[in-house]
Amino acid sequence: MDDRVTLKTLIAVNREFFGSRWSEKDLEELVNPRFGVVSDLSSLAERLSVIRAKDLADQPPFWITERQP
């Protein structure tokens, strides 16, 4: 299944839930960033998917660090 965020999807969500608050140009930047400052939404969704798939039982608490020799 393709979970990539598309411009068409963002335009529809923007229209349906936000009354077209954002311009299509702004939404295009989220799908295909030209400025390189912000990751596109699809990349963020992929990274979050990897994080959610981790077994947290295997992760130490954040305050415990290993000493480097």
N, C-alpha and C. Protein backbone atom coordinates (compact mmCIF):
# COMPACT_ATOMS: atom_id res chain seq x y z
N MET A 1 0.84 -1.18 0.00
CA MET A 1 0.00 0.00 0.00
C MET A 1 0.88 1.24 0.00
N ASP A 2 0.55 2.22 -0.83
CA ASP A 2 1.32 3.45 -0.94
C ASP A 2 0.77 4.47 0.05
N ASP A 3 1.57 4.80 1.07
CA ASP A 3 1.15 5.74 2.10
C ASP A 3 1.71 7.14 1.88
N ARG A 4 2.27 7.39 0.72
CA ARG A 4 2.88 8.69 0.47
C ARG A 4 1.81 9.78 0.47
N VAL A 5 2.17 10.92 1.04
CA VAL A 5 1.27 12.07 1.07
C VAL A 5 1.35 12.75 -0.28
N THR A 6 0.20 12.96 -0.90
CA THR A 6 0.18 13.59 -2.21
C THR A 6 -0.41 15.00 -2.11
N LEU A 7 -0.08 15.81 -3.08
CA LEU A 7 -0.61 17.17 -3.14
C LEU A 7 -2.13 17.13 -3.24
N LYS A 8 -2.63 16.21 -4.03
CA LYS A 8 -4.08 16.07 -4.19
C LYS A 8 -4.76 15.81 -2.83
N THR A 9 -4.16 14.95 -2.01
CA THR A 9 -4.70 14.66 -0.68
C THR A 9 -4.67 15.89 0.20
N LEU A 10 -3.54 16.60 0.22
CA LEU A 10 -3.43 17.79 1.04
C LEU A 10 -4.42 18.88 0.63
N ILE A 11 -4.62 19.04 -0.66
CA ILE A 11 -5.59 20.04 -1.15
C ILE A 11 -6.99 19.67 -0.68
N ALA A 12 -7.33 18.39 -0.77
CA ALA A 12 -8.66 17.95 -0.34
C ALA A 12 -8.85 18.14 1.17
N VAL A 13 -7.85 17.80 1.96
CA VAL A 13 -7.93 17.98 3.42
C VAL A 13 -8.01 19.47 3.75
N ASN A 14 -7.21 20.27 3.10
CA ASN A 14 -7.22 21.71 3.31
C ASN A 14 -8.59 22.30 3.01
N ARG A 15 -9.19 21.87 1.93
CA ARG A 15 -10.51 22.37 1.54
C ARG A 15 -11.59 21.89 2.51
N GLU A 16 -11.56 20.60 2.84
CA GLU A 16 -12.61 20.00 3.65
C GLU A 16 -12.58 20.45 5.12
N PHE A 17 -11.39 20.45 5.70
CA PHE A 17 -11.30 20.70 7.14
C PHE A 17 -10.84 22.11 7.52
N PHE A 18 -10.19 22.81 6.60
CA PHE A 18 -9.62 24.10 6.95
C PHE A 18 -10.11 25.25 6.08
N GLY A 19 -11.14 25.01 5.28
CA GLY A 19 -11.69 26.09 4.46
C GLY A 19 -10.68 26.71 3.52
N SER A 20 -9.80 25.90 2.97
CA SER A 20 -8.75 26.35 2.04
C SER A 20 -7.89 27.45 2.65
N ARG A 21 -7.54 27.28 3.91
CA ARG A 21 -6.72 28.26 4.65
C ARG A 21 -5.34 28.45 4.01
N TRP A 22 -4.75 27.36 3.50
CA TRP A 22 -3.41 27.44 2.94
C TRP A 22 -3.47 27.38 1.41
N SER A 23 -2.54 28.07 0.78
CA SER A 23 -2.50 28.11 -0.68
C SER A 23 -1.94 26.79 -1.21
N GLU A 24 -2.25 26.51 -2.46
CA GLU A 24 -1.70 25.30 -3.08
C GLU A 24 -0.18 25.37 -3.17
N LYS A 25 0.36 26.58 -3.32
CA LYS A 25 1.81 26.75 -3.36
C LYS A 25 2.44 26.31 -2.03
N ASP A 26 1.82 26.69 -0.91
CA ASP A 26 2.32 26.28 0.40
C ASP A 26 2.22 24.77 0.57
N LEU A 27 1.12 24.20 0.13
CA LEU A 27 0.94 22.75 0.25
C LEU A 27 1.95 22.01 -0.63
N GLU A 28 2.24 22.55 -1.80
CA GLU A 28 3.23 21.94 -2.70
C GLU A 28 4.59 21.87 -2.01
N GLU A 29 4.93 22.88 -1.22
CA GLU A 29 6.21 22.89 -0.51
C GLU A 29 6.30 21.72 0.49
N LEU A 30 5.16 21.32 1.07
CA LEU A 30 5.16 20.20 2.00
C LEU A 30 5.40 18.87 1.29
N VAL A 31 4.90 18.75 0.07
CA VAL A 31 5.04 17.50 -0.69
C VAL A 31 6.38 17.44 -1.41
N ASN A 32 6.78 18.57 -1.97
CA ASN A 32 8.00 18.62 -2.76
C ASN A 32 8.81 19.85 -2.33
N PRO A 33 9.52 19.76 -1.19
CA PRO A 33 10.22 20.93 -0.67
C PRO A 33 11.35 21.40 -1.59
N ARG A 34 11.35 22.68 -1.87
CA ARG A 34 12.39 23.26 -2.72
C ARG A 34 13.45 23.99 -1.90
N PHE A 35 13.10 24.38 -0.68
CA PHE A 35 14.02 25.18 0.12
C PHE A 35 14.96 24.32 0.95
N GLY A 36 14.66 23.05 1.14
CA GLY A 36 15.55 22.13 1.82
C GLY A 36 15.61 22.30 3.33
N VAL A 37 14.75 23.12 3.89
CA VAL A 37 14.77 23.34 5.33
C VAL A 37 13.89 22.34 6.05
N VAL A 38 12.76 22.00 5.46
CA VAL A 38 11.80 21.10 6.08
C VAL A 38 11.72 19.82 5.26
N SER A 39 11.72 18.68 5.94
CA SER A 39 11.54 17.40 5.25
C SER A 39 10.12 17.31 4.72
N ASP A 40 9.95 16.62 3.60
CA ASP A 40 8.60 16.45 3.10
C ASP A 40 7.82 15.53 4.03
N LEU A 41 6.50 15.65 4.00
CA LEU A 41 5.65 14.90 4.92
C LEU A 41 5.81 13.39 4.77
N SER A 42 6.02 12.92 3.58
CA SER A 42 6.18 11.48 3.36
C SER A 42 7.42 10.95 4.09
N SER A 43 8.51 11.71 4.05
CA SER A 43 9.73 11.29 4.75
C SER A 43 9.49 11.25 6.25
N LEU A 44 8.79 12.25 6.77
CA LEU A 44 8.49 12.26 8.20
C LEU A 44 7.60 11.09 8.59
N ALA A 45 6.61 10.78 7.75
CA ALA A 45 5.72 9.66 8.04
C ALA A 45 6.49 8.34 8.04
N GLU A 46 7.43 8.20 7.10
CA GLU A 46 8.25 6.98 7.06
C GLU A 46 9.10 6.86 8.32
N ARG A 47 9.71 7.95 8.76
CA ARG A 47 10.54 7.92 9.97
C ARG A 47 9.71 7.59 11.20
N LEU A 48 8.53 8.17 11.29
CA LEU A 48 7.65 7.86 12.42
C LEU A 48 7.23 6.39 12.41
N SER A 49 7.01 5.85 11.23
CA SER A 49 6.64 4.44 11.11
C SER A 49 7.75 3.54 11.65
N VAL A 50 9.00 3.89 11.36
CA VAL A 50 10.15 3.12 11.85
C VAL A 50 10.21 3.21 13.38
N ILE A 51 9.99 4.39 13.91
CA ILE A 51 10.02 4.57 15.37
C ILE A 51 8.90 3.77 16.03
N ARG A 52 7.69 3.83 15.46
CA ARG A 52 6.56 3.10 16.05
C ARG A 52 6.77 1.59 16.00
N ALA A 53 7.54 1.11 15.04
CA ALA A 53 7.75 -0.33 14.89
C ALA A 53 8.79 -0.87 15.89
N LYS A 54 9.55 0.01 16.54
CA LYS A 54 10.57 -0.44 17.49
C LYS A 54 9.92 -1.04 18.73
N ASP A 55 10.56 -2.07 19.23
CA ASP A 55 10.13 -2.69 20.48
C ASP A 55 10.74 -1.88 21.62
N LEU A 56 9.93 -1.14 22.32
CA LEU A 56 10.44 -0.27 23.37
C LEU A 56 11.05 -1.03 24.54
N ALA A 57 10.73 -2.29 24.67
CA ALA A 57 11.33 -3.10 25.73
C ALA A 57 12.84 -3.24 25.53
N ASP A 58 13.28 -3.09 24.30
CA ASP A 58 14.71 -3.20 23.99
C ASP A 58 15.45 -1.87 24.15
N GLN A 59 14.73 -0.80 24.43
CA GLN A 59 15.33 0.53 24.53
C GLN A 59 15.57 0.91 25.98
N PRO A 60 16.80 1.35 26.30
CA PRO A 60 17.05 1.78 27.68
C PRO A 60 16.37 3.13 27.93
N PRO A 61 16.12 3.46 29.18
CA PRO A 61 15.58 4.78 29.50
C PRO A 61 16.53 5.87 29.01
N PHE A 62 16.00 7.01 28.65
CA PHE A 62 16.82 8.05 28.03
C PHE A 62 17.91 8.57 28.96
N TRP A 63 17.72 8.46 30.26
CA TRP A 63 18.72 9.01 31.17
C TRP A 63 19.88 8.06 31.42
N ILE A 64 19.79 6.82 30.95
CA ILE A 64 20.88 5.86 31.12
C ILE A 64 21.75 5.91 29.87
N THR A 65 23.00 6.23 30.08
CA THR A 65 23.92 6.27 28.95
C THR A 65 25.06 5.29 29.21
N GLU A 66 25.60 4.76 28.16
CA GLU A 66 26.74 3.84 28.29
C GLU A 66 28.02 4.64 28.23
N ARG A 67 28.97 4.25 29.04
CA ARG A 67 30.27 4.92 29.02
C ARG A 67 31.08 4.43 27.84
N GLN A 68 31.70 5.37 27.19
CA GLN A 68 32.59 5.03 26.08
C GLN A 68 33.99 4.77 26.64
N PRO A 69 34.64 3.68 26.21
CA PRO A 69 35.98 3.37 26.74
C PRO A 69 37.02 4.41 26.32
